[in-house]
Amino acid sequence: MTGRVRLTPIITTLTPLDDLFGDDRFESRRYWFARWCYKNRDKHAPSGHTWLERFNQMEGVSLESYIKFSNENNLKEKFADRKKPKKFITTFVKK
């Protein structure tokens, strides 16, 4: 494999990656990648595989298993329901 892509280590049981690396960014990346792959599961990735297949290749676990794991560990509450910063709104005033 070429490039700078770092694959998730293959683990026999799903555990939050934060426990392994002590950093929130790895599990967050996997969670958002799973959401992307689920929404686009029937479309093809640049590699020619479907996004569902690509998730299996990259993460070493099926998307269905990860969804179950995500629901059991309330990852949506942890990552998706965070307060998002308000968009900066600019108003234009006529002079």
C-alpha atoms as a PDB file:
ATOM      1  CA  MET A   1       0.000   0.000   0.000  1.00  0.00           C
ATOM      2  CA  THR A   2       1.322   3.408  -0.872  1.00  0.00           C
ATOM      3  CA  GLY A   3       0.526   6.797   0.563  1.00  0.00           C
ATOM      4  CA  ARG A   4       0.104   7.968   4.106  1.00  0.00           C
ATOM      5  CA  VAL A   5      -3.058   6.077   5.001  1.00  0.00           C
ATOM      6  CA  ARG A   6      -2.775   4.425   8.373  1.00  0.00           C
ATOM      7  CA  LEU A   7      -5.044   1.430   8.688  1.00  0.00           C
ATOM      8  CA  THR A   8      -6.799   0.649  11.926  1.00  0.00           C
ATOM      9  CA  PRO A   9      -5.089  -2.218  13.756  1.00  0.00           C
ATOM     10  CA  ILE A  10      -6.953  -5.507  13.402  1.00  0.00           C
ATOM     11  CA  ILE A  11      -8.585  -6.364  16.708  1.00  0.00           C
ATOM     12  CA  THR A  12     -10.639  -9.500  17.328  1.00  0.00           C
ATOM     13  CA  THR A  13     -13.236  -7.668  19.415  1.00  0.00           C
ATOM     14  CA  LEU A  14     -14.370  -4.136  18.798  1.00  0.00           C
ATOM     15  CA  THR A  15     -13.067  -1.728  21.399  1.00  0.00           C
ATOM     16  CA  PRO A  16     -13.010   2.050  21.245  1.00  0.00           C
ATOM     17  CA  LEU A  17      -9.771   3.132  19.620  1.00  0.00           C
ATOM     18  CA  ASP A  18      -9.484   5.819  22.268  1.00  0.00           C
ATOM     19  CA  ASP A  19      -8.706   3.072  24.797  1.00  0.00           C
ATOM     20  CA  LEU A  20      -5.810   1.860  22.655  1.00  0.00           C
ATOM     21  CA  PHE A  21      -4.296   5.207  21.736  1.00  0.00           C
ATOM     22  CA  GLY A  22      -5.595   7.452  24.509  1.00  0.00           C
ATOM     23  CA  ASP A  23      -6.745   9.975  21.940  1.00  0.00           C
ATOM     24  CA  ASP A  24     -10.286  10.945  20.927  1.00  0.00           C
ATOM     25  CA  ARG A  25      -9.430  11.595  17.291  1.00  0.00           C
ATOM     26  CA  PHE A  26      -9.105   7.951  16.172  1.00  0.00           C
ATOM     27  CA  GLU A  27     -12.533   6.772  17.278  1.00  0.00           C
ATOM     28  CA  SER A  28     -14.031  10.028  16.049  1.00  0.00           C
ATOM     29  CA  ARG A  29     -12.473   9.446  12.625  1.00  0.00           C
ATOM     30  CA  ARG A  30     -13.809   5.882  12.501  1.00  0.00           C
ATOM     31  CA  TYR A  31     -17.286   7.023  13.612  1.00  0.00           C
ATOM     32  CA  TRP A  32     -17.564   9.729  10.948  1.00  0.00           C
ATOM     33  CA  PHE A  33     -16.090   7.419   8.301  1.00  0.00           C
ATOM     34  CA  ALA A  34     -18.758   4.844   9.201  1.00  0.00           C
ATOM     35  CA  ARG A  35     -21.483   7.460   8.814  1.00  0.00           C
ATOM     36  CA  TRP A  36     -20.112   8.484   5.408  1.00  0.00           C
ATOM     37  CA  CYS A  37     -19.877   4.875   4.266  1.00  0.00           C
ATOM     38  CA  TYR A  38     -23.396   4.095   5.448  1.00  0.00           C
ATOM     39  CA  LYS A  39     -24.893   7.072   3.611  1.00  0.00           C
ATOM     40  CA  ASN A  40     -22.979   6.176   0.443  1.00  0.00           C
ATOM     41  CA  ARG A  41     -22.934   2.389   0.864  1.00  0.00           C
ATOM     42  CA  ASP A  42     -24.260   1.649  -2.639  1.00  0.00           C
ATOM     43  CA  LYS A  43     -22.022   4.164  -4.402  1.00  0.00           C
ATOM     44  CA  HIS A  44     -18.525   3.391  -5.597  1.00  0.00           C
ATOM     45  CA  ALA A  45     -15.416   4.808  -3.965  1.00  0.00           C
ATOM     46  CA  PRO A  46     -12.494   5.965  -6.136  1.00  0.00           C
ATOM     47  CA  SER A  47     -10.960   2.519  -5.574  1.00  0.00           C
ATOM     48  CA  GLY A  48     -13.828   0.933  -7.529  1.00  0.00           C
ATOM     49  CA  HIS A  49     -15.284  -0.817  -4.470  1.00  0.00           C
ATOM     50  CA  THR A  50     -18.501   0.240  -2.816  1.00  0.00           C
ATOM     51  CA  TRP A  51     -18.144   2.351   0.305  1.00  0.00           C
ATOM     52  CA  LEU A  52     -19.510  -0.582   2.304  1.00  0.00           C
ATOM     53  CA  GLU A  53     -16.647  -2.766   1.055  1.00  0.00           C
ATOM     54  CA  ARG A  54     -14.169   0.064   1.596  1.00  0.00           C
ATOM     55  CA  PHE A  55     -15.173   0.376   5.261  1.00  0.00           C
ATOM     56  CA  ASN A  56     -14.611  -3.351   5.719  1.00  0.00           C
ATOM     57  CA  GLN A  57     -11.162  -3.059   4.110  1.00  0.00           C
ATOM     58  CA  MET A  58     -10.056   0.014   6.035  1.00  0.00           C
ATOM     59  CA  GLU A  59     -11.428  -0.846   9.468  1.00  0.00           C
ATOM     60  CA  GLY A  60     -11.200  -4.636   9.452  1.00  0.00           C
ATOM     61  CA  VAL A  61     -14.795  -5.026  10.616  1.00  0.00           C
ATOM     62  CA  SER A  62     -18.137  -5.004   8.838  1.00  0.00           C
ATOM     63  CA  LEU A  63     -20.148  -1.802   8.864  1.00  0.00           C
ATOM     64  CA  GLU A  64     -23.108  -3.648  10.388  1.00  0.00           C
ATOM     65  CA  SER A  65     -20.935  -4.785  13.312  1.00  0.00           C
ATOM     66  CA  TYR A  66     -19.616  -1.277  13.812  1.00  0.00           C
ATOM     67  CA  ILE A  67     -23.137   0.196  13.799  1.00  0.00           C
ATOM     68  CA  LYS A  68     -24.125  -2.259  16.541  1.00  0.00           C
ATOM     69  CA  PHE A  69     -20.950  -1.395  18.470  1.00  0.00           C
ATOM     70  CA  SER A  70     -21.647   2.323  18.021  1.00  0.00           C
ATOM     71  CA  ASN A  71     -25.187   1.983  19.350  1.00  0.00           C
ATOM     72  CA  GLU A  72     -24.057  -0.085  22.347  1.00  0.00           C
ATOM     73  CA  ASN A  73     -21.392   2.484  23.266  1.00  0.00           C
ATOM     74  CA  ASN A  74     -23.503   5.611  22.600  1.00  0.00           C
ATOM     75  CA  LEU A  75     -20.967   6.998  20.130  1.00  0.00           C
ATOM     76  CA  LYS A  76     -23.597   9.227  18.531  1.00  0.00           C
ATOM     77  CA  GLU A  77     -24.025  10.966  21.867  1.00  0.00           C
ATOM     78  CA  LYS A  78     -20.266  11.314  22.181  1.00  0.00           C
ATOM     79  CA  PHE A  79     -19.454  12.564  18.666  1.00  0.00           C
ATOM     80  CA  ALA A  80     -22.541  13.686  16.731  1.00  0.00           C
ATOM     81  CA  ASP A  81     -24.510  15.434  19.460  1.00  0.00           C
ATOM     82  CA  ARG A  82     -21.718  17.766  20.544  1.00  0.00           C
ATOM     83  CA  LYS A  83     -22.609  21.406  20.492  1.00  0.00           C
ATOM     84  CA  LYS A  84     -21.604  22.709  17.137  1.00  0.00           C
ATOM     85  CA  PRO A  85     -20.261  26.235  16.929  1.00  0.00           C
ATOM     86  CA  LYS A  86     -22.721  28.720  15.566  1.00  0.00           C
ATOM     87  CA  LYS A  87     -22.047  29.857  12.057  1.00  0.00           C
ATOM     88  CA  PHE A  88     -20.683  33.320  11.809  1.00  0.00           C
ATOM     89  CA  ILE A  89     -23.373  35.489  10.258  1.00  0.00           C
ATOM     90  CA  THR A  90     -22.401  38.660   8.530  1.00  0.00           C
ATOM     91  CA  THR A  91     -24.928  41.355   7.796  1.00  0.00           C
ATOM     92  CA  PHE A  92     -24.354  43.907   5.131  1.00  0.00           C
ATOM     93  CA  VAL A  93     -25.495  47.456   5.690  1.00  0.00           C
ATOM     94  CA  LYS A  94     -26.148  49.815   2.803  1.00  0.00           C
ATOM     95  CA  LYS A  95     -24.358  53.117   3.070  1.00  0.00           C
END
